[in-house]
Amino acid sequence: MMEMTSNKPYLIRAFYEWIVDNNLTPYLVVNASVQGCKVPTQHIQNGQIVLNILPSAVGNMLMGNEVITFNARFGGKPFALTVPIKAVLAIYARENGAGTMFDAEEDTEDDIHHLEAVSDEDTHHDGDTPPDDEPTDPNKGKKVSHLRVVK
């Protein structure tokens, strides 16, 4: 039997689309310690960061099979974010907590080399990046603990 690729990036995109289609705010919970993860360090708490990825809060978002990249503003300053798919711990709607959690994954040597190549293509800042929509404080709003794991 052929080995299939991970379904995680497909699930992330599906939940993202579902949350946005229901006029809710998608939040991404990220393990900031994963190799290749580029997020604002001042907003990391307990090794994690919660990111508002509502289309009006981010710019130039690309959700690939290996990495999610987008531009956002933190404290009024533009920032290019890179989130490896392996770093995504959950995606959920801020308003009602609907979404899913993922198991933490270990980096492999191939993943590290691939992510280094992807991050070399760095996302550029531009004036089209929208302002902050919501703070990235994981203690605000709903807690992630009430989410269900979907298999």
C-alpha atoms as a PDB file:
ATOM      1  CA  MET A   1       0.000   0.000   0.000  1.00  0.00           C
ATOM      2  CA  MET A   2       1.335   3.452  -0.916  1.00  0.00           C
ATOM      3  CA  GLU A   3       2.102   5.842   1.895  1.00  0.00           C
ATOM      4  CA  MET A   4      -0.266   8.805   1.828  1.00  0.00           C
ATOM      5  CA  THR A   5       0.660  12.373   2.647  1.00  0.00           C
ATOM      6  CA  SER A   6      -0.508  13.971   5.876  1.00  0.00           C
ATOM      7  CA  ASN A   7      -4.140  15.078   5.946  1.00  0.00           C
ATOM      8  CA  LYS A   8      -3.337  17.859   8.437  1.00  0.00           C
ATOM      9  CA  PRO A   9      -2.859  20.713   5.914  1.00  0.00           C
ATOM     10  CA  TYR A  10      -6.112  19.741   4.193  1.00  0.00           C
ATOM     11  CA  LEU A  11      -7.982  19.715   7.513  1.00  0.00           C
ATOM     12  CA  ILE A  12      -6.536  23.108   8.462  1.00  0.00           C
ATOM     13  CA  ARG A  13      -7.686  24.604   5.157  1.00  0.00           C
ATOM     14  CA  ALA A  14     -11.119  22.968   5.465  1.00  0.00           C
ATOM     15  CA  PHE A  15     -11.702  24.206   9.020  1.00  0.00           C
ATOM     16  CA  TYR A  16     -10.418  27.667   8.046  1.00  0.00           C
ATOM     17  CA  GLU A  17     -12.871  27.883   5.129  1.00  0.00           C
ATOM     18  CA  TRP A  18     -15.742  26.530   7.239  1.00  0.00           C
ATOM     19  CA  ILE A  19     -15.100  29.031  10.059  1.00  0.00           C
ATOM     20  CA  VAL A  20     -14.811  31.997   7.662  1.00  0.00           C
ATOM     21  CA  ASP A  21     -17.904  30.897   5.683  1.00  0.00           C
ATOM     22  CA  ASN A  22     -19.861  31.020   8.952  1.00  0.00           C
ATOM     23  CA  ASN A  23     -18.729  34.628   9.567  1.00  0.00           C
ATOM     24  CA  LEU A  24     -16.609  33.650  12.559  1.00  0.00           C
ATOM     25  CA  THR A  25     -12.994  34.511  13.454  1.00  0.00           C
ATOM     26  CA  PRO A  26     -10.459  31.708  12.842  1.00  0.00           C
ATOM     27  CA  TYR A  27      -7.716  31.438  15.463  1.00  0.00           C
ATOM     28  CA  LEU A  28      -4.606  29.335  14.899  1.00  0.00           C
ATOM     29  CA  VAL A  29      -2.771  27.912  17.940  1.00  0.00           C
ATOM     30  CA  VAL A  30       0.916  27.487  17.095  1.00  0.00           C
ATOM     31  CA  ASN A  31       3.823  25.750  18.840  1.00  0.00           C
ATOM     32  CA  ALA A  32       6.352  28.575  18.472  1.00  0.00           C
ATOM     33  CA  SER A  33       9.325  26.316  19.283  1.00  0.00           C
ATOM     34  CA  VAL A  34       9.044  24.237  16.082  1.00  0.00           C
ATOM     35  CA  GLN A  35      11.987  24.646  13.690  1.00  0.00           C
ATOM     36  CA  GLY A  36      11.207  27.199  10.959  1.00  0.00           C
ATOM     37  CA  CYS A  37       8.438  28.960  12.901  1.00  0.00           C
ATOM     38  CA  LYS A  38       8.723  32.756  12.514  1.00  0.00           C
ATOM     39  CA  VAL A  39       6.277  34.595  14.782  1.00  0.00           C
ATOM     40  CA  PRO A  40       6.591  37.701  17.005  1.00  0.00           C
ATOM     41  CA  THR A  41       8.392  36.463  20.116  1.00  0.00           C
ATOM     42  CA  GLN A  42       6.873  39.107  22.418  1.00  0.00           C
ATOM     43  CA  HIS A  43       3.456  37.432  22.038  1.00  0.00           C
ATOM     44  CA  ILE A  44       4.581  33.861  22.818  1.00  0.00           C
ATOM     45  CA  GLN A  45       3.221  32.437  26.074  1.00  0.00           C
ATOM     46  CA  ASN A  46       4.112  28.967  27.358  1.00  0.00           C
ATOM     47  CA  GLY A  47       5.789  28.215  24.027  1.00  0.00           C
ATOM     48  CA  GLN A  48       2.595  28.921  22.082  1.00  0.00           C
ATOM     49  CA  ILE A  49       1.040  31.810  20.213  1.00  0.00           C
ATOM     50  CA  VAL A  50      -2.582  32.291  19.190  1.00  0.00           C
ATOM     51  CA  LEU A  51      -2.986  34.044  15.837  1.00  0.00           C
ATOM     52  CA  ASN A  52      -6.093  35.704  14.413  1.00  0.00           C
ATOM     53  CA  ILE A  53      -6.092  34.628  10.743  1.00  0.00           C
ATOM     54  CA  LEU A  54      -9.317  36.335   9.665  1.00  0.00           C
ATOM     55  CA  PRO A  55      -8.842  37.465   6.030  1.00  0.00           C
ATOM     56  CA  SER A  56      -9.233  41.137   7.049  1.00  0.00           C
ATOM     57  CA  ALA A  57      -6.522  40.738   9.732  1.00  0.00           C
ATOM     58  CA  VAL A  58      -3.822  39.224   7.500  1.00  0.00           C
ATOM     59  CA  GLY A  59      -2.382  39.806   4.055  1.00  0.00           C
ATOM     60  CA  ASN A  60      -0.854  37.570   1.394  1.00  0.00           C
ATOM     61  CA  MET A  61      -1.848  34.357   3.178  1.00  0.00           C
ATOM     62  CA  LEU A  62      -0.722  31.119   1.556  1.00  0.00           C
ATOM     63  CA  MET A  63      -1.791  27.823   3.133  1.00  0.00           C
ATOM     64  CA  GLY A  64       0.467  25.188   1.610  1.00  0.00           C
ATOM     65  CA  ASN A  65       0.991  21.541   2.478  1.00  0.00           C
ATOM     66  CA  GLU A  66       4.216  22.253   4.411  1.00  0.00           C
ATOM     67  CA  VAL A  67       3.894  25.815   5.666  1.00  0.00           C
ATOM     68  CA  ILE A  68       1.438  28.700   6.179  1.00  0.00           C
ATOM     69  CA  THR A  69       2.767  32.189   5.417  1.00  0.00           C
ATOM     70  CA  PHE A  70       1.103  35.573   5.804  1.00  0.00           C
ATOM     71  CA  ASN A  71       1.691  39.189   6.788  1.00  0.00           C
ATOM     72  CA  ALA A  72       0.136  40.754   9.872  1.00  0.00           C
ATOM     73  CA  ARG A  73       0.626  43.736  12.156  1.00  0.00           C
ATOM     74  CA  PHE A  74       1.608  43.491  15.801  1.00  0.00           C
ATOM     75  CA  GLY A  75       1.628  46.722  17.762  1.00  0.00           C
ATOM     76  CA  GLY A  76       1.263  48.581  14.464  1.00  0.00           C
ATOM     77  CA  LYS A  77       4.425  47.057  13.000  1.00  0.00           C
ATOM     78  CA  PRO A  78       4.279  44.781   9.922  1.00  0.00           C
ATOM     79  CA  PHE A  79       5.546  41.230  10.385  1.00  0.00           C
ATOM     80  CA  ALA A  80       5.970  38.331   7.945  1.00  0.00           C
ATOM     81  CA  LEU A  81       4.908  35.100   9.667  1.00  0.00           C
ATOM     82  CA  THR A  82       5.923  31.570   8.730  1.00  0.00           C
ATOM     83  CA  VAL A  83       4.106  28.694  10.427  1.00  0.00           C
ATOM     84  CA  PRO A  84       5.145  25.138   9.542  1.00  0.00           C
ATOM     85  CA  ILE A  85       2.122  22.829   9.343  1.00  0.00           C
ATOM     86  CA  LYS A  86       3.781  20.670  12.023  1.00  0.00           C
ATOM     87  CA  ALA A  87       3.633  23.670  14.395  1.00  0.00           C
ATOM     88  CA  VAL A  88      -0.166  24.027  14.175  1.00  0.00           C
ATOM     89  CA  LEU A  89      -1.759  22.685  17.358  1.00  0.00           C
ATOM     90  CA  ALA A  90      -5.358  23.812  16.743  1.00  0.00           C
ATOM     91  CA  ILE A  91      -7.665  25.904  14.605  1.00  0.00           C
ATOM     92  CA  TYR A  92     -10.907  27.152  16.113  1.00  0.00           C
ATOM     93  CA  ALA A  93     -13.554  29.876  15.952  1.00  0.00           C
ATOM     94  CA  ARG A  94     -13.034  32.585  18.575  1.00  0.00           C
ATOM     95  CA  GLU A  95     -16.756  33.115  19.076  1.00  0.00           C
ATOM     96  CA  ASN A  96     -17.821  29.545  19.901  1.00  0.00           C
ATOM     97  CA  GLY A  97     -14.684  27.370  20.053  1.00  0.00           C
ATOM     98  CA  ALA A  98     -15.743  25.175  17.122  1.00  0.00           C
ATOM     99  CA  GLY A  99     -12.709  23.655  15.439  1.00  0.00           C
ATOM    100  CA  THR A 100     -10.141  20.943  15.965  1.00  0.00           C
ATOM    101  CA  MET A 101      -6.914  20.166  17.807  1.00  0.00           C
ATOM    102  CA  PHE A 102      -3.907  18.324  16.405  1.00  0.00           C
ATOM    103  CA  ASP A 103      -1.254  16.166  18.043  1.00  0.00           C
ATOM    104  CA  ALA A 104       2.178  17.751  18.407  1.00  0.00           C
ATOM    105  CA  GLU A 105       4.558  16.416  15.748  1.00  0.00           C
ATOM    106  CA  GLU A 106       8.317  15.891  15.863  1.00  0.00           C
ATOM    107  CA  ASP A 107      10.589  17.510  13.258  1.00  0.00           C
ATOM    108  CA  THR A 108      12.480  15.155  10.962  1.00  0.00           C
ATOM    109  CA  GLU A 109      15.757  16.004   9.215  1.00  0.00           C
ATOM    110  CA  ASP A 110      13.963  16.295   5.836  1.00  0.00           C
ATOM    111  CA  ASP A 111      11.395  18.686   7.338  1.00  0.00           C
ATOM    112  CA  ILE A 112      14.117  20.964   8.716  1.00  0.00           C
ATOM    113  CA  HIS A 113      15.911  21.203   5.346  1.00  0.00           C
ATOM    114  CA  HIS A 114      12.639  21.826   3.481  1.00  0.00           C
ATOM    115  CA  LEU A 115      11.506  24.532   5.913  1.00  0.00           C
ATOM    116  CA  GLU A 116      14.878  26.288   5.692  1.00  0.00           C
ATOM    117  CA  ALA A 117      14.477  26.417   1.904  1.00  0.00           C
ATOM    118  CA  VAL A 118      10.919  27.754   2.202  1.00  0.00           C
ATOM    119  CA  SER A 119      11.914  30.437   4.738  1.00  0.00           C
ATOM    120  CA  ASP A 120      14.712  31.608   2.409  1.00  0.00           C
ATOM    121  CA  GLU A 121      11.955  32.725   0.030  1.00  0.00           C
ATOM    122  CA  ASP A 122      10.806  35.073   2.848  1.00  0.00           C
ATOM    123  CA  THR A 123       7.532  36.962   2.524  1.00  0.00           C
ATOM    124  CA  HIS A 124       8.022  40.691   1.860  1.00  0.00           C
ATOM    125  CA  HIS A 125       6.259  43.448   3.758  1.00  0.00           C
ATOM    126  CA  ASP A 126       3.987  45.743   1.833  1.00  0.00           C
ATOM    127  CA  GLY A 127       1.677  48.619   2.565  1.00  0.00           C
ATOM    128  CA  ASP A 128      -1.388  46.452   1.927  1.00  0.00           C
ATOM    129  CA  THR A 129      -1.102  44.602   5.231  1.00  0.00           C
ATOM    130  CA  PRO A 130      -4.202  45.387   7.285  1.00  0.00           C
ATOM    131  CA  PRO A 131      -3.987  46.612  10.900  1.00  0.00           C
ATOM    132  CA  ASP A 132      -4.325  44.427  13.979  1.00  0.00           C
ATOM    133  CA  ASP A 133      -7.818  43.055  14.470  1.00  0.00           C
ATOM    134  CA  GLU A 134      -7.524  41.241  17.770  1.00  0.00           C
ATOM    135  CA  PRO A 135      -4.769  40.753  20.343  1.00  0.00           C
ATOM    136  CA  THR A 136      -2.933  37.442  20.210  1.00  0.00           C
ATOM    137  CA  ASP A 137      -3.294  36.810  23.942  1.00  0.00           C
ATOM    138  CA  PRO A 138      -4.265  33.135  24.352  1.00  0.00           C
ATOM    139  CA  ASN A 139      -5.874  33.892  27.735  1.00  0.00           C
ATOM    140  CA  LYS A 140      -8.509  36.164  26.135  1.00  0.00           C
ATOM    141  CA  GLY A 141     -11.741  34.794  24.758  1.00  0.00           C
ATOM    142  CA  LYS A 142     -12.538  31.093  24.692  1.00  0.00           C
ATOM    143  CA  LYS A 143     -10.208  28.457  26.080  1.00  0.00           C
ATOM    144  CA  VAL A 144      -8.958  25.805  23.677  1.00  0.00           C
ATOM    145  CA  SER A 145      -9.625  22.958  26.122  1.00  0.00           C
ATOM    146  CA  HIS A 146     -13.227  22.419  25.028  1.00  0.00           C
ATOM    147  CA  LEU A 147     -12.305  21.422  21.458  1.00  0.00           C
ATOM    148  CA  ARG A 148     -12.782  17.889  20.172  1.00  0.00           C
ATOM    149  CA  VAL A 149     -10.179  15.878  18.288  1.00  0.00           C
ATOM    150  CA  VAL A 150     -11.519  14.928  14.848  1.00  0.00           C
ATOM    151  CA  LYS A 151     -10.025  11.805  13.283  1.00  0.00           C
END
